[in-house]
Amino acid sequence: MQAKRTVLAILRVQPAKDLVESLMQPVSDEHEMMWEDILESEMESDHRLRHPRRMPSAAAQESAYRLEDIRS
């Protein structure tokens, strides 16, 4: 699956009629910057999928433990 994602990213950076033509084009500085942007966004999305943010518990905030509650 990673190979397919890489090929699609290459075609986004260097669009052409087919993959061979795209790969044969010379790489410019603009292409390099676009490639880095794609890699950064993929790393961010992978991180979000692997480490989702946890929402704080609303119940814990509403019923904060007090010493009086524990004694009774």
PDB file of N, CA and C in Angstrom:
ATOM      1  N   MET A   1       0.819  -1.181   0.000  1.00  0.00           N
ATOM      2  CA  MET A   1       0.000   0.000   0.000  1.00  0.00           C
ATOM      3  C   MET A   1       0.868   1.251   0.000  1.00  0.00           C
ATOM      4  N   GLN A   2       2.005   1.204   0.691  1.00  0.00           N
ATOM      5  CA  GLN A   2       2.899   2.359   0.731  1.00  0.00           C
ATOM      6  C   GLN A   2       3.433   2.672  -0.660  1.00  0.00           C
ATOM      7  N   ALA A   3       3.684   1.655  -1.465  1.00  0.00           N
ATOM      8  CA  ALA A   3       4.186   1.886  -2.827  1.00  0.00           C
ATOM      9  C   ALA A   3       3.153   2.638  -3.661  1.00  0.00           C
ATOM     10  N   LYS A   4       1.895   2.279  -3.522  1.00  0.00           N
ATOM     11  CA  LYS A   4       0.827   2.974  -4.264  1.00  0.00           C
ATOM     12  C   LYS A   4       0.730   4.429  -3.831  1.00  0.00           C
ATOM     13  N   ARG A   5       0.823   4.669  -2.528  1.00  0.00           N
ATOM     14  CA  ARG A   5       0.764   6.044  -2.025  1.00  0.00           C
ATOM     15  C   ARG A   5       1.932   6.856  -2.567  1.00  0.00           C
ATOM     16  N   THR A   6       3.108   6.242  -2.653  1.00  0.00           N
ATOM     17  CA  THR A   6       4.286   6.935  -3.170  1.00  0.00           C
ATOM     18  C   THR A   6       4.122   7.288  -4.636  1.00  0.00           C
ATOM     19  N   VAL A   7       3.606   6.361  -5.429  1.00  0.00           N
ATOM     20  CA  VAL A   7       3.384   6.617  -6.855  1.00  0.00           C
ATOM     21  C   VAL A   7       2.384   7.757  -7.029  1.00  0.00           C
ATOM     22  N   LEU A   8       1.313   7.761  -6.259  1.00  0.00           N
ATOM     23  CA  LEU A   8       0.330   8.840  -6.350  1.00  0.00           C
ATOM     24  C   LEU A   8       0.944  10.176  -5.950  1.00  0.00           C
ATOM     25  N   ALA A   9       1.803  10.167  -4.947  1.00  0.00           N
ATOM     26  CA  ALA A   9       2.464  11.400  -4.536  1.00  0.00           C
ATOM     27  C   ALA A   9       3.393  11.908  -5.630  1.00  0.00           C
ATOM     28  N   ILE A  10       4.099  11.002  -6.298  1.00  0.00           N
ATOM     29  CA  ILE A  10       4.977  11.392  -7.402  1.00  0.00           C
ATOM     30  C   ILE A  10       4.158  12.047  -8.514  1.00  0.00           C
ATOM     31  N   LEU A  11       3.015  11.463  -8.823  1.00  0.00           N
ATOM     32  CA  LEU A  11       2.170  12.026  -9.887  1.00  0.00           C
ATOM     33  C   LEU A  11       1.587  13.384  -9.489  1.00  0.00           C
ATOM     34  N   ARG A  12       1.391  13.612  -8.193  1.00  0.00           N
ATOM     35  CA  ARG A  12       0.919  14.928  -7.750  1.00  0.00           C
ATOM     36  C   ARG A  12       2.011  15.976  -7.911  1.00  0.00           C
ATOM     37  N   VAL A  13       3.252  15.570  -7.659  1.00  0.00           N
ATOM     38  CA  VAL A  13       4.364  16.514  -7.743  1.00  0.00           C
ATOM     39  C   VAL A  13       4.765  16.758  -9.189  1.00  0.00           C
ATOM     40  N   GLN A  14       4.834  15.691  -9.969  1.00  0.00           N
ATOM     41  CA  GLN A  14       5.255  15.790 -11.362  1.00  0.00           C
ATOM     42  C   GLN A  14       4.193  15.172 -12.269  1.00  0.00           C
ATOM     43  N   PRO A  15       3.108  15.886 -12.511  1.00  0.00           N
ATOM     44  CA  PRO A  15       2.052  15.318 -13.354  1.00  0.00           C
ATOM     45  C   PRO A  15       2.528  15.137 -14.802  1.00  0.00           C
ATOM     46  N   ALA A  16       2.103  14.041 -15.393  1.00  0.00           N
ATOM     47  CA  ALA A  16       2.431  13.731 -16.787  1.00  0.00           C
ATOM     48  C   ALA A  16       1.371  12.770 -17.315  1.00  0.00           C
ATOM     49  N   LYS A  17       1.533  12.378 -18.599  1.00  0.00           N
ATOM     50  CA  LYS A  17       0.566  11.457 -19.194  1.00  0.00           C
ATOM     51  C   LYS A  17       0.617  10.085 -18.556  1.00  0.00           C
ATOM     52  N   ASP A  18       1.828   9.649 -18.181  1.00  0.00           N
ATOM     53  CA  ASP A  18       1.966   8.345 -17.539  1.00  0.00           C
ATOM     54  C   ASP A  18       3.125   8.383 -16.547  1.00  0.00           C
ATOM     55  N   LEU A  19       3.279   7.312 -15.805  1.00  0.00           N
ATOM     56  CA  LEU A  19       4.275   7.254 -14.734  1.00  0.00           C
ATOM     57  C   LEU A  19       5.697   7.360 -15.282  1.00  0.00           C
ATOM     58  N   VAL A  20       5.975   6.696 -16.394  1.00  0.00           N
ATOM     59  CA  VAL A  20       7.328   6.727 -16.965  1.00  0.00           C
ATOM     60  C   VAL A  20       7.707   8.161 -17.336  1.00  0.00           C
ATOM     61  N   GLU A  21       6.806   8.854 -17.989  1.00  0.00           N
ATOM     62  CA  GLU A  21       7.080  10.240 -18.363  1.00  0.00           C
ATOM     63  C   GLU A  21       7.300  11.106 -17.125  1.00  0.00           C
ATOM     64  N   SER A  22       6.505  10.864 -16.107  1.00  0.00           N
ATOM     65  CA  SER A  22       6.640  11.608 -14.864  1.00  0.00           C
ATOM     66  C   SER A  22       7.995  11.359 -14.220  1.00  0.00           C
ATOM     67  N   LEU A  23       8.432  10.120 -14.205  1.00  0.00           N
ATOM     68  CA  LEU A  23       9.711   9.773 -13.589  1.00  0.00           C
ATOM     69  C   LEU A  23      10.911  10.265 -14.398  1.00  0.00           C
ATOM     70  N   MET A  24      10.731  10.452 -15.707  1.00  0.00           N
ATOM     71  CA  MET A  24      11.829  10.888 -16.565  1.00  0.00           C
ATOM     72  C   MET A  24      12.028  12.406 -16.551  1.00  0.00           C
ATOM     73  N   GLN A  25      11.081  13.146 -16.017  1.00  0.00           N
ATOM     74  CA  GLN A  25      11.206  14.602 -15.962  1.00  0.00           C
ATOM     75  C   GLN A  25      12.299  14.990 -14.982  1.00  0.00           C
ATOM     76  N   PRO A  26      13.024  16.062 -15.283  1.00  0.00           N
ATOM     77  CA  PRO A  26      14.007  16.538 -14.301  1.00  0.00           C
ATOM     78  C   PRO A  26      13.290  17.117 -13.075  1.00  0.00           C
ATOM     79  N   VAL A  27      13.928  16.981 -11.935  1.00  0.00           N
ATOM     80  CA  VAL A  27      13.343  17.448 -10.682  1.00  0.00           C
ATOM     81  C   VAL A  27      13.818  18.880 -10.418  1.00  0.00           C
ATOM     82  N   SER A  28      12.874  19.759 -10.143  1.00  0.00           N
ATOM     83  CA  SER A  28      13.206  21.153  -9.845  1.00  0.00           C
ATOM     84  C   SER A  28      13.146  21.392  -8.330  1.00  0.00           C
ATOM     85  N   ASP A  29      13.590  22.567  -7.916  1.00  0.00           N
ATOM     86  CA  ASP A  29      13.503  22.930  -6.502  1.00  0.00           C
ATOM     87  C   ASP A  29      12.049  22.995  -6.047  1.00  0.00           C
ATOM     88  N   GLU A  30      11.177  23.454  -6.932  1.00  0.00           N
ATOM     89  CA  GLU A  30       9.747  23.512  -6.620  1.00  0.00           C
ATOM     90  C   GLU A  30       9.189  22.111  -6.376  1.00  0.00           C
ATOM     91  N   HIS A  31       9.614  21.147  -7.174  1.00  0.00           N
ATOM     92  CA  HIS A  31       9.191  19.758  -6.972  1.00  0.00           C
ATOM     93  C   HIS A  31       9.647  19.250  -5.606  1.00  0.00           C
ATOM     94  N   GLU A  32      10.886  19.584  -5.242  1.00  0.00           N
ATOM     95  CA  GLU A  32      11.415  19.147  -3.953  1.00  0.00           C
ATOM     96  C   GLU A  32      10.593  19.716  -2.799  1.00  0.00           C
ATOM     97  N   MET A  33      10.216  20.993  -2.900  1.00  0.00           N
ATOM     98  CA  MET A  33       9.420  21.621  -1.850  1.00  0.00           C
ATOM     99  C   MET A  33       8.037  20.982  -1.762  1.00  0.00           C
ATOM    100  N   MET A  34       7.429  20.696  -2.912  1.00  0.00           N
ATOM    101  CA  MET A  34       6.122  20.040  -2.918  1.00  0.00           C
ATOM    102  C   MET A  34       6.220  18.649  -2.292  1.00  0.00           C
ATOM    103  N   TRP A  35       7.285  17.928  -2.605  1.00  0.00           N
ATOM    104  CA  TRP A  35       7.496  16.579  -2.067  1.00  0.00           C
ATOM    105  C   TRP A  35       7.620  16.620  -0.549  1.00  0.00           C
ATOM    106  N   GLU A  36       8.382  17.583  -0.034  1.00  0.00           N
ATOM    107  CA  GLU A  36       8.536  17.709   1.414  1.00  0.00           C
ATOM    108  C   GLU A  36       7.195  18.029   2.077  1.00  0.00           C
ATOM    109  N   ASP A  37       6.393  18.882   1.448  1.00  0.00           N
ATOM    110  CA  ASP A  37       5.070  19.212   1.986  1.00  0.00           C
ATOM    111  C   ASP A  37       4.181  17.971   2.065  1.00  0.00           C
ATOM    112  N   ILE A  38       4.221  17.157   1.029  1.00  0.00           N
ATOM    113  CA  ILE A  38       3.415  15.931   1.003  1.00  0.00           C
ATOM    114  C   ILE A  38       3.860  14.980   2.115  1.00  0.00           C
ATOM    115  N   LEU A  39       5.166  14.809   2.262  1.00  0.00           N
ATOM    116  CA  LEU A  39       5.678  13.914   3.303  1.00  0.00           C
ATOM    117  C   LEU A  39       5.301  14.408   4.692  1.00  0.00           C
ATOM    118  N   GLU A  40       5.407  15.710   4.924  1.00  0.00           N
ATOM    119  CA  GLU A  40       5.046  16.263   6.227  1.00  0.00           C
ATOM    120  C   GLU A  40       3.568  16.053   6.534  1.00  0.00           C
ATOM    121  N   SER A  41       2.709  16.291   5.549  1.00  0.00           N
ATOM    122  CA  SER A  41       1.275  16.123   5.791  1.00  0.00           C
ATOM    123  C   SER A  41       0.919  14.660   6.031  1.00  0.00           C
ATOM    124  N   GLU A  42       1.584  13.743   5.343  1.00  0.00           N
ATOM    125  CA  GLU A  42       1.330  12.323   5.571  1.00  0.00           C
ATOM    126  C   GLU A  42       1.804  11.897   6.958  1.00  0.00           C
ATOM    127  N   MET A  43       2.937  12.423   7.390  1.00  0.00           N
ATOM    128  CA  MET A  43       3.435  12.080   8.724  1.00  0.00           C
ATOM    129  C   MET A  43       2.488  12.610   9.801  1.00  0.00           C
ATOM    130  N   GLU A  44       1.951  13.815   9.594  1.00  0.00           N
ATOM    131  CA  GLU A  44       0.999  14.373  10.553  1.00  0.00           C
ATOM    132  C   GLU A  44      -0.277  13.542  10.614  1.00  0.00           C
ATOM    133  N   SER A  45      -0.782  13.138   9.456  1.00  0.00           N
ATOM    134  CA  SER A  45      -2.018  12.348   9.458  1.00  0.00           C
ATOM    135  C   SER A  45      -1.782  10.965  10.051  1.00  0.00           C
ATOM    136  N   ASP A  46      -0.615  10.371   9.796  1.00  0.00           N
ATOM    137  CA  ASP A  46      -0.290   9.086  10.410  1.00  0.00           C
ATOM    138  C   ASP A  46      -0.212   9.216  11.924  1.00  0.00           C
ATOM    139  N   HIS A  47       0.382  10.301  12.383  1.00  0.00           N
ATOM    140  CA  HIS A  47       0.511  10.523  13.830  1.00  0.00           C
ATOM    141  C   HIS A  47      -0.873  10.677  14.460  1.00  0.00           C
ATOM    142  N   ARG A  48      -1.758  11.421  13.797  1.00  0.00           N
ATOM    143  CA  ARG A  48      -3.112  11.605  14.335  1.00  0.00           C
ATOM    144  C   ARG A  48      -3.874  10.291  14.379  1.00  0.00           C
ATOM    145  N   LEU A  49      -3.661   9.432  13.411  1.00  0.00           N
ATOM    146  CA  LEU A  49      -4.352   8.140  13.406  1.00  0.00           C
ATOM    147  C   LEU A  49      -3.824   7.216  14.501  1.00  0.00           C
ATOM    148  N   ARG A  50      -2.535   7.267  14.733  1.00  0.00           N
ATOM    149  CA  ARG A  50      -1.932   6.384  15.731  1.00  0.00           C
ATOM    150  C   ARG A  50      -2.091   6.904  17.150  1.00  0.00           C
ATOM    151  N   HIS A  51      -2.178   8.221  17.302  1.00  0.00           N
ATOM    152  CA  HIS A  51      -2.263   8.836  18.624  1.00  0.00           C
ATOM    153  C   HIS A  51      -3.422   9.827  18.669  1.00  0.00           C
ATOM    154  N   PRO A  52      -4.649   9.326  18.688  1.00  0.00           N
ATOM    155  CA  PRO A  52      -5.783  10.266  18.739  1.00  0.00           C
ATOM    156  C   PRO A  52      -5.804  11.010  20.062  1.00  0.00           C
ATOM    157  N   ARG A  53      -6.264  12.235  19.992  1.00  0.00           N
ATOM    158  CA  ARG A  53      -6.360  13.038  21.213  1.00  0.00           C
ATOM    159  C   ARG A  53      -7.470  12.513  22.087  1.00  0.00           C
ATOM    160  N   ARG A  54      -7.205  12.476  23.369  1.00  0.00           N
ATOM    161  CA  ARG A  54      -8.232  12.047  24.313  1.00  0.00           C
ATOM    162  C   ARG A  54      -8.975  13.276  24.813  1.00  0.00           C
ATOM    163  N   MET A  55     -10.269  13.133  24.901  1.00  0.00           N
ATOM    164  CA  MET A  55     -11.086  14.207  25.435  1.00  0.00           C
ATOM    165  C   MET A  55     -11.124  14.061  26.951  1.00  0.00           C
ATOM    166  N   PRO A  56     -11.012  15.163  27.677  1.00  0.00           N
ATOM    167  CA  PRO A  56     -11.088  15.051  29.139  1.00  0.00           C
ATOM    168  C   PRO A  56     -12.468  14.603  29.570  1.00  0.00           C
ATOM    169  N   SER A  57     -12.502  13.855  30.628  1.00  0.00           N
ATOM    170  CA  SER A  57     -13.770  13.341  31.126  1.00  0.00           C
ATOM    171  C   SER A  57     -14.591  14.466  31.736  1.00  0.00           C
ATOM    172  N   ALA A  58     -15.800  14.626  31.243  1.00  0.00           N
ATOM    173  CA  ALA A  58     -16.690  15.659  31.778  1.00  0.00           C
ATOM    174  C   ALA A  58     -17.168  15.267  33.174  1.00  0.00           C
ATOM    175  N   ALA A  59     -17.335  13.981  33.407  1.00  0.00           N
ATOM    176  CA  ALA A  59     -17.817  13.514  34.706  1.00  0.00           C
ATOM    177  C   ALA A  59     -16.810  13.832  35.807  1.00  0.00           C
ATOM    178  N   ALA A  60     -15.545  13.742  35.519  1.00  0.00           N
ATOM    179  CA  ALA A  60     -14.518  14.003  36.522  1.00  0.00           C
ATOM    180  C   ALA A  60     -14.519  15.472  36.919  1.00  0.00           C
ATOM    181  N   GLN A  61     -14.803  16.344  35.976  1.00  0.00           N
ATOM    182  CA  GLN A  61     -14.812  17.770  36.284  1.00  0.00           C
ATOM    183  C   GLN A  61     -16.044  18.150  37.088  1.00  0.00           C
ATOM    184  N   GLU A  62     -17.167  17.560  36.762  1.00  0.00           N
ATOM    185  CA  GLU A  62     -18.416  17.904  37.429  1.00  0.00           C
ATOM    186  C   GLU A  62     -18.444  17.393  38.866  1.00  0.00           C
ATOM    187  N   SER A  63     -17.914  16.243  39.083  1.00  0.00           N
ATOM    188  CA  SER A  63     -17.966  15.655  40.424  1.00  0.00           C
ATOM    189  C   SER A  63     -16.556  15.549  40.982  1.00  0.00           C
ATOM    190  N   ALA A  64     -15.905  16.683  41.091  1.00  0.00           N
ATOM    191  CA  ALA A  64     -14.544  16.682  41.628  1.00  0.00           C
ATOM    192  C   ALA A  64     -14.577  16.099  43.037  1.00  0.00           C
ATOM    193  N   TYR A  65     -13.637  15.225  43.331  1.00  0.00           N
ATOM    194  CA  TYR A  65     -13.612  14.594  44.642  1.00  0.00           C
ATOM    195  C   TYR A  65     -13.255  15.607  45.706  1.00  0.00           C
ATOM    196  N   ARG A  66     -14.035  15.573  46.764  1.00  0.00           N
ATOM    197  CA  ARG A  66     -13.758  16.418  47.915  1.00  0.00           C
ATOM    198  C   ARG A  66     -13.605  15.506  49.125  1.00  0.00           C
ATOM    199  N   LEU A  67     -12.870  15.972  50.062  1.00  0.00           N
ATOM    200  CA  LEU A  67     -12.636  15.182  51.269  1.00  0.00           C
ATOM    201  C   LEU A  67     -13.959  14.843  51.952  1.00  0.00           C
ATOM    202  N   GLU A  68     -14.899  15.759  51.920  1.00  0.00           N
ATOM    203  CA  GLU A  68     -16.203  15.539  52.544  1.00  0.00           C
ATOM    204  C   GLU A  68     -16.941  14.385  51.881  1.00  0.00           C
ATOM    205  N   ASP A  69     -16.814  14.251  50.577  1.00  0.00           N
ATOM    206  CA  ASP A  69     -17.487  13.169  49.849  1.00  0.00           C
ATOM    207  C   ASP A  69     -16.908  11.816  50.236  1.00  0.00           C
ATOM    208  N   ILE A  70     -15.630  11.775  50.436  1.00  0.00           N
ATOM    209  CA  ILE A  70     -14.976  10.515  50.775  1.00  0.00           C
ATOM    210  C   ILE A  70     -15.348  10.060  52.184  1.00  0.00           C
ATOM    211  N   ARG A  71     -15.479  10.974  53.115  1.00  0.00           N
ATOM    212  CA  ARG A  71     -15.801  10.627  54.506  1.00  0.00           C
ATOM    213  C   ARG A  71     -17.207  10.096  54.653  1.00  0.00           C
ATOM    214  N   SER A  72     -18.110  10.528  53.850  1.00  0.00           N
ATOM    215  CA  SER A  72     -19.505  10.107  54.051  1.00  0.00           C
ATOM    216  C   SER A  72     -19.812   8.774  53.443  1.00  0.00           C
TER     217      SER A  72
END
